[in-house]
Amino acid sequence: MINRYTKKHYPIKATKVELIKFIKKREFITANDLVDHFRYKPQSARVKLYALAREGLLTSWVWPEQWCLTQQGEKKYQYYVKKEEQENNQ
């Protein structure tokens, strides 16, 4: 990813697929889990979680800093798993 203001290249830490699989595996996550596992900065981890929530893939649970997949997130996870299986079978 390239910052449009500084024109510096910043590597993507995790794709949406990787994040969804990680959340599915753990069931509930916090921004600190993304910091520990993917080496996000704390603010970047929160922004990433809120972005996935805006897409309808996550919802906050128990208290605002704990997140889990929604039904739409579960469907997206199943889609990625099925797609991955099809690619491996070819």
PDB file of N, CA and C in Angstrom:
ATOM      1  N   MET A   1       0.843  -1.165   0.000  1.00  0.00           N
ATOM      2  CA  MET A   1       0.000   0.000   0.000  1.00  0.00           C
ATOM      3  C   MET A   1       0.892   1.234   0.000  1.00  0.00           C
ATOM      4  N   ILE A   2       0.533   2.247  -0.753  1.00  0.00           N
ATOM      5  CA  ILE A   2       1.324   3.461  -0.842  1.00  0.00           C
ATOM      6  C   ILE A   2       0.565   4.615  -0.201  1.00  0.00           C
ATOM      7  N   ASN A   3       1.224   5.307   0.713  1.00  0.00           N
ATOM      8  CA  ASN A   3       0.640   6.493   1.323  1.00  0.00           C
ATOM      9  C   ASN A   3       0.602   7.575   0.259  1.00  0.00           C
ATOM     10  N   ARG A   4      -0.570   8.116  -0.016  1.00  0.00           N
ATOM     11  CA  ARG A   4      -0.695   9.070  -1.121  1.00  0.00           C
ATOM     12  C   ARG A   4      -0.052  10.417  -0.827  1.00  0.00           C
ATOM     13  N   TYR A   5       0.228  10.700   0.425  1.00  0.00           N
ATOM     14  CA  TYR A   5       0.838  11.983   0.769  1.00  0.00           C
ATOM     15  C   TYR A   5       2.366  11.913   0.759  1.00  0.00           C
ATOM     16  N   THR A   6       2.915  10.861   1.323  1.00  0.00           N
ATOM     17  CA  THR A   6       4.374  10.753   1.408  1.00  0.00           C
ATOM     18  C   THR A   6       4.968   9.914   0.289  1.00  0.00           C
ATOM     19  N   LYS A   7       4.127   9.180  -0.424  1.00  0.00           N
ATOM     20  CA  LYS A   7       4.540   8.287  -1.512  1.00  0.00           C
ATOM     21  C   LYS A   7       5.452   7.165  -1.010  1.00  0.00           C
ATOM     22  N   LYS A   8       5.394   6.869   0.286  1.00  0.00           N
ATOM     23  CA  LYS A   8       6.175   5.768   0.837  1.00  0.00           C
ATOM     24  C   LYS A   8       5.347   4.497   0.774  1.00  0.00           C
ATOM     25  N   HIS A   9       6.035   3.399   0.610  1.00  0.00           N
ATOM     26  CA  HIS A   9       5.372   2.103   0.531  1.00  0.00           C
ATOM     27  C   HIS A   9       5.311   1.487   1.921  1.00  0.00           C
ATOM     28  N   TYR A  10       4.099   1.120   2.358  1.00  0.00           N
ATOM     29  CA  TYR A  10       3.917   0.442   3.623  1.00  0.00           C
ATOM     30  C   TYR A  10       3.347  -0.936   3.340  1.00  0.00           C
ATOM     31  N   PRO A  11       4.010  -1.982   3.809  1.00  0.00           N
ATOM     32  CA  PRO A  11       3.493  -3.334   3.530  1.00  0.00           C
ATOM     33  C   PRO A  11       2.174  -3.586   4.244  1.00  0.00           C
ATOM     34  N   ILE A  12       1.331  -4.358   3.600  1.00  0.00           N
ATOM     35  CA  ILE A  12       0.062  -4.749   4.208  1.00  0.00           C
ATOM     36  C   ILE A  12       0.381  -5.831   5.228  1.00  0.00           C
ATOM     37  N   LYS A  13      -0.077  -5.643   6.446  1.00  0.00           N
ATOM     38  CA  LYS A  13       0.242  -6.589   7.518  1.00  0.00           C
ATOM     39  C   LYS A  13      -0.591  -7.864   7.401  1.00  0.00           C
ATOM     40  N   ALA A  14      -1.859  -7.727   7.046  1.00  0.00           N
ATOM     41  CA  ALA A  14      -2.729  -8.894   6.917  1.00  0.00           C
ATOM     42  C   ALA A  14      -3.859  -8.563   5.946  1.00  0.00           C
ATOM     43  N   THR A  15      -4.221  -9.551   5.158  1.00  0.00           N
ATOM     44  CA  THR A  15      -5.342  -9.358   4.246  1.00  0.00           C
ATOM     45  C   THR A  15      -6.651  -9.575   5.007  1.00  0.00           C
ATOM     46  N   LYS A  16      -7.741  -9.197   4.377  1.00  0.00           N
ATOM     47  CA  LYS A  16      -9.058  -9.391   4.980  1.00  0.00           C
ATOM     48  C   LYS A  16      -9.298 -10.879   5.249  1.00  0.00           C
ATOM     49  N   VAL A  17      -8.859 -11.719   4.319  1.00  0.00           N
ATOM     50  CA  VAL A  17      -9.036 -13.162   4.474  1.00  0.00           C
ATOM     51  C   VAL A  17      -8.300 -13.654   5.713  1.00  0.00           C
ATOM     52  N   GLU A  18      -7.056 -13.228   5.883  1.00  0.00           N
ATOM     53  CA  GLU A  18      -6.270 -13.646   7.045  1.00  0.00           C
ATOM     54  C   GLU A  18      -6.918 -13.184   8.345  1.00  0.00           C
ATOM     55  N   LEU A  19      -7.431 -11.969   8.346  1.00  0.00           N
ATOM     56  CA  LEU A  19      -8.083 -11.452   9.549  1.00  0.00           C
ATOM     57  C   LEU A  19      -9.338 -12.238   9.875  1.00  0.00           C
ATOM     58  N   ILE A  20     -10.159 -12.523   8.873  1.00  0.00           N
ATOM     59  CA  ILE A  20     -11.395 -13.269   9.108  1.00  0.00           C
ATOM     60  C   ILE A  20     -11.080 -14.672   9.622  1.00  0.00           C
ATOM     61  N   LYS A  21     -10.086 -15.330   9.044  1.00  0.00           N
ATOM     62  CA  LYS A  21      -9.709 -16.666   9.505  1.00  0.00           C
ATOM     63  C   LYS A  21      -9.187 -16.626  10.943  1.00  0.00           C
ATOM     64  N   PHE A  22      -8.406 -15.609  11.259  1.00  0.00           N
ATOM     65  CA  PHE A  22      -7.878 -15.454  12.614  1.00  0.00           C
ATOM     66  C   PHE A  22      -9.011 -15.243  13.613  1.00  0.00           C
ATOM     67  N   ILE A  23      -9.961 -14.397  13.267  1.00  0.00           N
ATOM     68  CA  ILE A  23     -11.091 -14.123  14.158  1.00  0.00           C
ATOM     69  C   ILE A  23     -11.947 -15.377  14.328  1.00  0.00           C
ATOM     70  N   LYS A  24     -12.176 -16.108  13.255  1.00  0.00           N
ATOM     71  CA  LYS A  24     -12.970 -17.337  13.325  1.00  0.00           C
ATOM     72  C   LYS A  24     -12.297 -18.352  14.248  1.00  0.00           C
ATOM     73  N   LYS A  25     -10.990 -18.466  14.148  1.00  0.00           N
ATOM     74  CA  LYS A  25     -10.253 -19.419  14.968  1.00  0.00           C
ATOM     75  C   LYS A  25     -10.336 -19.061  16.457  1.00  0.00           C
ATOM     76  N   ARG A  26     -10.262 -17.780  16.762  1.00  0.00           N
ATOM     77  CA  ARG A  26     -10.249 -17.329  18.156  1.00  0.00           C
ATOM     78  C   ARG A  26     -11.648 -17.054  18.709  1.00  0.00           C
ATOM     79  N   GLU A  27     -12.640 -16.906  17.869  1.00  0.00           N
ATOM     80  CA  GLU A  27     -14.029 -16.561  18.194  1.00  0.00           C
ATOM     81  C   GLU A  27     -14.186 -15.119  18.650  1.00  0.00           C
ATOM     82  N   PHE A  28     -13.497 -14.697  19.703  1.00  0.00           N
ATOM     83  CA  PHE A  28     -13.527 -13.310  20.157  1.00  0.00           C
ATOM     84  C   PHE A  28     -12.117 -12.753  20.124  1.00  0.00           C
ATOM     85  N   ILE A  29     -11.970 -11.518  19.654  1.00  0.00           N
ATOM     86  CA  ILE A  29     -10.651 -10.897  19.646  1.00  0.00           C
ATOM     87  C   ILE A  29     -10.748  -9.460  20.137  1.00  0.00           C
ATOM     88  N   THR A  30      -9.597  -8.916  20.451  1.00  0.00           N
ATOM     89  CA  THR A  30      -9.478  -7.500  20.783  1.00  0.00           C
ATOM     90  C   THR A  30      -8.439  -6.900  19.847  1.00  0.00           C
ATOM     91  N   ALA A  31      -8.321  -5.604  19.856  1.00  0.00           N
ATOM     92  CA  ALA A  31      -7.303  -4.940  19.038  1.00  0.00           C
ATOM     93  C   ALA A  31      -5.910  -5.415  19.454  1.00  0.00           C
ATOM     94  N   ASN A  32      -5.734  -5.707  20.736  1.00  0.00           N
ATOM     95  CA  ASN A  32      -4.429  -6.178  21.212  1.00  0.00           C
ATOM     96  C   ASN A  32      -4.046  -7.521  20.608  1.00  0.00           C
ATOM     97  N   ASP A  33      -5.029  -8.354  20.280  1.00  0.00           N
ATOM     98  CA  ASP A  33      -4.734  -9.625  19.616  1.00  0.00           C
ATOM     99  C   ASP A  33      -4.129  -9.376  18.234  1.00  0.00           C
ATOM    100  N   LEU A  34      -4.645  -8.373  17.521  1.00  0.00           N
ATOM    101  CA  LEU A  34      -4.077  -8.034  16.211  1.00  0.00           C
ATOM    102  C   LEU A  34      -2.682  -7.446  16.372  1.00  0.00           C
ATOM    103  N   VAL A  35      -2.471  -6.673  17.412  1.00  0.00           N
ATOM    104  CA  VAL A  35      -1.145  -6.101  17.686  1.00  0.00           C
ATOM    105  C   VAL A  35      -0.148  -7.235  17.915  1.00  0.00           C
ATOM    106  N   ASP A  36      -0.524  -8.207  18.735  1.00  0.00           N
ATOM    107  CA  ASP A  36       0.378  -9.311  19.067  1.00  0.00           C
ATOM    108  C   ASP A  36       0.621 -10.248  17.891  1.00  0.00           C
ATOM    109  N   HIS A  37      -0.428 -10.584  17.169  1.00  0.00           N
ATOM    110  CA  HIS A  37      -0.304 -11.602  16.119  1.00  0.00           C
ATOM    111  C   HIS A  37       0.203 -11.038  14.784  1.00  0.00           C
ATOM    112  N   PHE A  38      -0.309  -9.888  14.371  1.00  0.00           N
ATOM    113  CA  PHE A  38       0.034  -9.335  13.058  1.00  0.00           C
ATOM    114  C   PHE A  38       0.980  -8.136  13.125  1.00  0.00           C
ATOM    115  N   ARG A  39       1.343  -7.718  14.342  1.00  0.00           N
ATOM    116  CA  ARG A  39       2.256  -6.598  14.559  1.00  0.00           C
ATOM    117  C   ARG A  39       1.684  -5.253  14.102  1.00  0.00           C
ATOM    118  N   TYR A  40       0.378  -5.122  14.218  1.00  0.00           N
ATOM    119  CA  TYR A  40      -0.247  -3.828  13.962  1.00  0.00           C
ATOM    120  C   TYR A  40       0.104  -2.871  15.092  1.00  0.00           C
ATOM    121  N   LYS A  41       0.043  -1.595  14.826  1.00  0.00           N
ATOM    122  CA  LYS A  41       0.089  -0.597  15.895  1.00  0.00           C
ATOM    123  C   LYS A  41      -1.297  -0.584  16.527  1.00  0.00           C
ATOM    124  N   PRO A  42      -1.410  -0.235  17.816  1.00  0.00           N
ATOM    125  CA  PRO A  42      -2.726  -0.284  18.474  1.00  0.00           C
ATOM    126  C   PRO A  42      -3.816   0.509  17.753  1.00  0.00           C
ATOM    127  N   GLN A  43      -3.517   1.708  17.320  1.00  0.00           N
ATOM    128  CA  GLN A  43      -4.534   2.510  16.632  1.00  0.00           C
ATOM    129  C   GLN A  43      -4.905   1.885  15.286  1.00  0.00           C
ATOM    130  N   SER A  44      -3.923   1.352  14.574  1.00  0.00           N
ATOM    131  CA  SER A  44      -4.192   0.708  13.286  1.00  0.00           C
ATOM    132  C   SER A  44      -5.070  -0.524  13.465  1.00  0.00           C
ATOM    133  N   ALA A  45      -4.843  -1.270  14.541  1.00  0.00           N
ATOM    134  CA  ALA A  45      -5.655  -2.460  14.806  1.00  0.00           C
ATOM    135  C   ALA A  45      -7.109  -2.069  15.052  1.00  0.00           C
ATOM    136  N   ARG A  46      -7.322  -1.014  15.829  1.00  0.00           N
ATOM    137  CA  ARG A  46      -8.695  -0.561  16.093  1.00  0.00           C
ATOM    138  C   ARG A  46      -9.367  -0.082  14.809  1.00  0.00           C
ATOM    139  N   VAL A  47      -8.627   0.635  13.982  1.00  0.00           N
ATOM    140  CA  VAL A  47      -9.174   1.119  12.710  1.00  0.00           C
ATOM    141  C   VAL A  47      -9.563  -0.060  11.825  1.00  0.00           C
ATOM    142  N   LYS A  48      -8.725  -1.086  11.782  1.00  0.00           N
ATOM    143  CA  LYS A  48      -9.007  -2.264  10.957  1.00  0.00           C
ATOM    144  C   LYS A  48     -10.277  -2.972  11.450  1.00  0.00           C
ATOM    145  N   LEU A  49     -10.423  -3.097  12.767  1.00  0.00           N
ATOM    146  CA  LEU A  49     -11.618  -3.738  13.316  1.00  0.00           C
ATOM    147  C   LEU A  49     -12.876  -2.934  13.011  1.00  0.00           C
ATOM    148  N   TYR A  50     -12.793  -1.619  13.164  1.00  0.00           N
ATOM    149  CA  TYR A  50     -13.954  -0.781  12.858  1.00  0.00           C
ATOM    150  C   TYR A  50     -14.289  -0.823  11.361  1.00  0.00           C
ATOM    151  N   ALA A  51     -13.277  -0.938  10.506  1.00  0.00           N
ATOM    152  CA  ALA A  51     -13.525  -1.038   9.061  1.00  0.00           C
ATOM    153  C   ALA A  51     -14.271  -2.337   8.741  1.00  0.00           C
ATOM    154  N   LEU A  52     -13.855  -3.432   9.352  1.00  0.00           N
ATOM    155  CA  LEU A  52     -14.559  -4.701   9.139  1.00  0.00           C
ATOM    156  C   LEU A  52     -15.979  -4.643   9.701  1.00  0.00           C
ATOM    157  N   ALA A  53     -16.153  -3.915  10.796  1.00  0.00           N
ATOM    158  CA  ALA A  53     -17.497  -3.756  11.370  1.00  0.00           C
ATOM    159  C   ALA A  53     -18.388  -2.936  10.440  1.00  0.00           C
ATOM    160  N   ARG A  54     -17.830  -1.902   9.809  1.00  0.00           N
ATOM    161  CA  ARG A  54     -18.619  -1.098   8.865  1.00  0.00           C
ATOM    162  C   ARG A  54     -19.071  -1.933   7.673  1.00  0.00           C
ATOM    163  N   GLU A  55     -18.270  -2.925   7.307  1.00  0.00           N
ATOM    164  CA  GLU A  55     -18.652  -3.823   6.215  1.00  0.00           C
ATOM    165  C   GLU A  55     -19.680  -4.852   6.657  1.00  0.00           C
ATOM    166  N   GLY A  56     -19.968  -4.890   7.946  1.00  0.00           N
ATOM    167  CA  GLY A  56     -20.950  -5.828   8.467  1.00  0.00           C
ATOM    168  C   GLY A  56     -20.380  -7.192   8.802  1.00  0.00           C
ATOM    169  N   LEU A  57     -19.051  -7.320   8.836  1.00  0.00           N
ATOM    170  CA  LEU A  57     -18.424  -8.613   9.078  1.00  0.00           C
ATOM    171  C   LEU A  57     -18.155  -8.870  10.552  1.00  0.00           C
ATOM    172  N   LEU A  58     -18.067  -7.818  11.353  1.00  0.00           N
ATOM    173  CA  LEU A  58     -17.796  -7.938  12.786  1.00  0.00           C
ATOM    174  C   LEU A  58     -18.820  -7.171  13.589  1.00  0.00           C
ATOM    175  N   THR A  59     -18.965  -7.581  14.817  1.00  0.00           N
ATOM    176  CA  THR A  59     -19.765  -6.822  15.767  1.00  0.00           C
ATOM    177  C   THR A  59     -19.045  -6.845  17.110  1.00  0.00           C
ATOM    178  N   SER A  60     -19.227  -5.791  17.884  1.00  0.00           N
ATOM    179  CA  SER A  60     -18.619  -5.790  19.212  1.00  0.00           C
ATOM    180  C   SER A  60     -19.494  -6.624  20.135  1.00  0.00           C
ATOM    181  N   TRP A  61     -18.860  -7.310  21.054  1.00  0.00           N
ATOM    182  CA  TRP A  61     -19.569  -8.236  21.914  1.00  0.00           C
ATOM    183  C   TRP A  61     -19.054  -8.069  23.333  1.00  0.00           C
ATOM    184  N   VAL A  62     -19.884  -8.222  24.297  1.00  0.00           N
ATOM    185  CA  VAL A  62     -19.596  -8.108  25.721  1.00  0.00           C
ATOM    186  C   VAL A  62     -19.264  -6.680  26.101  1.00  0.00           C
ATOM    187  N   TRP A  63     -18.251  -6.132  25.539  1.00  0.00           N
ATOM    188  CA  TRP A  63     -17.925  -4.716  25.707  1.00  0.00           C
ATOM    189  C   TRP A  63     -17.275  -4.253  24.422  1.00  0.00           C
ATOM    190  N   PRO A  64     -17.230  -2.975  24.132  1.00  0.00           N
ATOM    191  CA  PRO A  64     -16.848  -2.483  22.812  1.00  0.00           C
ATOM    192  C   PRO A  64     -15.486  -2.918  22.283  1.00  0.00           C
ATOM    193  N   GLU A  65     -14.606  -3.355  23.147  1.00  0.00           N
ATOM    194  CA  GLU A  65     -13.288  -3.731  22.640  1.00  0.00           C
ATOM    195  C   GLU A  65     -13.158  -5.207  22.292  1.00  0.00           C
ATOM    196  N   GLN A  66     -14.214  -6.000  22.460  1.00  0.00           N
ATOM    197  CA  GLN A  66     -14.187  -7.404  22.068  1.00  0.00           C
ATOM    198  C   GLN A  66     -15.038  -7.581  20.828  1.00  0.00           C
ATOM    199  N   TRP A  67     -14.511  -8.284  19.835  1.00  0.00           N
ATOM    200  CA  TRP A  67     -15.172  -8.403  18.549  1.00  0.00           C
ATOM    201  C   TRP A  67     -15.355  -9.866  18.168  1.00  0.00           C
ATOM    202  N   CYS A  68     -16.441 -10.145  17.425  1.00  0.00           N
ATOM    203  CA  CYS A  68     -16.680 -11.476  16.877  1.00  0.00           C
ATOM    204  C   CYS A  68     -17.318 -11.326  15.495  1.00  0.00           C
ATOM    205  N   LEU A  69     -17.315 -12.424  14.745  1.00  0.00           N
ATOM    206  CA  LEU A  69     -17.896 -12.405  13.403  1.00  0.00           C
ATOM    207  C   LEU A  69     -19.415 -12.348  13.472  1.00  0.00           C
ATOM    208  N   THR A  70     -20.016 -11.640  12.541  1.00  0.00           N
ATOM    209  CA  THR A  70     -21.467 -11.634  12.385  1.00  0.00           C
ATOM    210  C   THR A  70     -21.849 -12.790  11.461  1.00  0.00           C
ATOM    211  N   GLN A  71     -23.152 -12.939  11.198  1.00  0.00           N
ATOM    212  CA  GLN A  71     -23.579 -13.963  10.236  1.00  0.00           C
ATOM    213  C   GLN A  71     -22.974 -13.699   8.870  1.00  0.00           C
ATOM    214  N   GLN A  72     -22.925 -12.433   8.489  1.00  0.00           N
ATOM    215  CA  GLN A  72     -22.330 -12.082   7.207  1.00  0.00           C
ATOM    216  C   GLN A  72     -20.834 -12.417   7.207  1.00  0.00           C
ATOM    217  N   GLY A  73     -20.168 -12.205   8.328  1.00  0.00           N
ATOM    218  CA  GLY A  73     -18.755 -12.567   8.459  1.00  0.00           C
ATOM    219  C   GLY A  73     -18.548 -14.069   8.362  1.00  0.00           C
ATOM    220  N   GLU A  74     -19.469 -14.824   8.966  1.00  0.00           N
ATOM    221  CA  GLU A  74     -19.402 -16.290   8.878  1.00  0.00           C
ATOM    222  C   GLU A  74     -19.576 -16.753   7.435  1.00  0.00           C
ATOM    223  N   LYS A  75     -20.508 -16.127   6.718  1.00  0.00           N
ATOM    224  CA  LYS A  75     -20.713 -16.470   5.308  1.00  0.00           C
ATOM    225  C   LYS A  75     -19.468 -16.160   4.488  1.00  0.00           C
ATOM    226  N   LYS A  76     -18.848 -15.025   4.764  1.00  0.00           N
ATOM    227  CA  LYS A  76     -17.625 -14.636   4.059  1.00  0.00           C
ATOM    228  C   LYS A  76     -16.511 -15.644   4.359  1.00  0.00           C
ATOM    229  N   TYR A  77     -16.428 -16.090   5.611  1.00  0.00           N
ATOM    230  CA  TYR A  77     -15.436 -17.091   5.989  1.00  0.00           C
ATOM    231  C   TYR A  77     -15.668 -18.386   5.204  1.00  0.00           C
ATOM    232  N   GLN A  78     -16.922 -18.842   5.158  1.00  0.00           N
ATOM    233  CA  GLN A  78     -17.245 -20.068   4.422  1.00  0.00           C
ATOM    234  C   GLN A  78     -16.911 -19.925   2.945  1.00  0.00           C
ATOM    235  N   TYR A  79     -17.173 -18.742   2.390  1.00  0.00           N
ATOM    236  CA  TYR A  79     -16.850 -18.478   0.985  1.00  0.00           C
ATOM    237  C   TYR A  79     -15.343 -18.625   0.749  1.00  0.00           C
ATOM    238  N   TYR A  80     -14.535 -18.034   1.619  1.00  0.00           N
ATOM    239  CA  TYR A  80     -13.081 -18.096   1.459  1.00  0.00           C
ATOM    240  C   TYR A  80     -12.562 -19.524   1.615  1.00  0.00           C
ATOM    241  N   VAL A  81     -13.122 -20.269   2.553  1.00  0.00           N
ATOM    242  CA  VAL A  81     -12.705 -21.655   2.757  1.00  0.00           C
ATOM    243  C   VAL A  81     -13.047 -22.493   1.524  1.00  0.00           C
ATOM    244  N   LYS A  82     -14.250 -22.315   1.011  1.00  0.00           N
ATOM    245  CA  LYS A  82     -14.670 -23.067  -0.181  1.00  0.00           C
ATOM    246  C   LYS A  82     -13.811 -22.705  -1.385  1.00  0.00           C
ATOM    247  N   LYS A  83     -13.533 -21.418  -1.538  1.00  0.00           N
ATOM    248  CA  LYS A  83     -12.699 -20.955  -2.654  1.00  0.00           C
ATOM    249  C   LYS A  83     -11.287 -21.529  -2.549  1.00  0.00           C
ATOM    250  N   GLU A  84     -10.759 -21.563  -1.333  1.00  0.00           N
ATOM    251  CA  GLU A  84      -9.423 -22.097  -1.112  1.00  0.00           C
ATOM    252  C   GLU A  84      -9.369 -23.601  -1.426  1.00  0.00           C
ATOM    253  N   GLU A  85     -10.419 -24.327  -1.044  1.00  0.00           N
ATOM    254  CA  GLU A  85     -10.498 -25.749  -1.330  1.00  0.00           C
ATOM    255  C   GLU A  85     -10.543 -26.004  -2.828  1.00  0.00           C
ATOM    256  N   GLN A  86     -11.314 -25.191  -3.558  1.00  0.00           N
ATOM    257  CA  GLN A  86     -11.402 -25.334  -5.007  1.00  0.00           C
ATOM    258  C   GLN A  86     -10.055 -25.059  -5.672  1.00  0.00           C
ATOM    259  N   GLU A  87      -9.318 -24.063  -5.188  1.00  0.00           N
ATOM    260  CA  GLU A  87      -8.008 -23.756  -5.748  1.00  0.00           C
ATOM    261  C   GLU A  87      -7.018 -24.890  -5.478  1.00  0.00           C
ATOM    262  N   ASN A  88      -7.123 -25.516  -4.309  1.00  0.00           N
ATOM    263  CA  ASN A  88      -6.218 -26.625  -3.963  1.00  0.00           C
ATOM    264  C   ASN A  88      -6.532 -27.876  -4.759  1.00  0.00           C
ATOM    265  N   ASN A  89      -7.789 -28.062  -5.149  1.00  0.00           N
ATOM    266  CA  ASN A  89      -8.177 -29.246  -5.912  1.00  0.00           C
ATOM    267  C   ASN A  89      -7.808 -29.141  -7.381  1.00  0.00           C
ATOM    268  N   GLN A  90      -7.518 -27.969  -7.858  1.00  0.00           N
ATOM    269  CA  GLN A  90      -7.189 -27.816  -9.285  1.00  0.00           C
ATOM    270  C   GLN A  90      -5.767 -28.173  -9.571  1.00  0.00           C
TER     271      GLN A  90
END
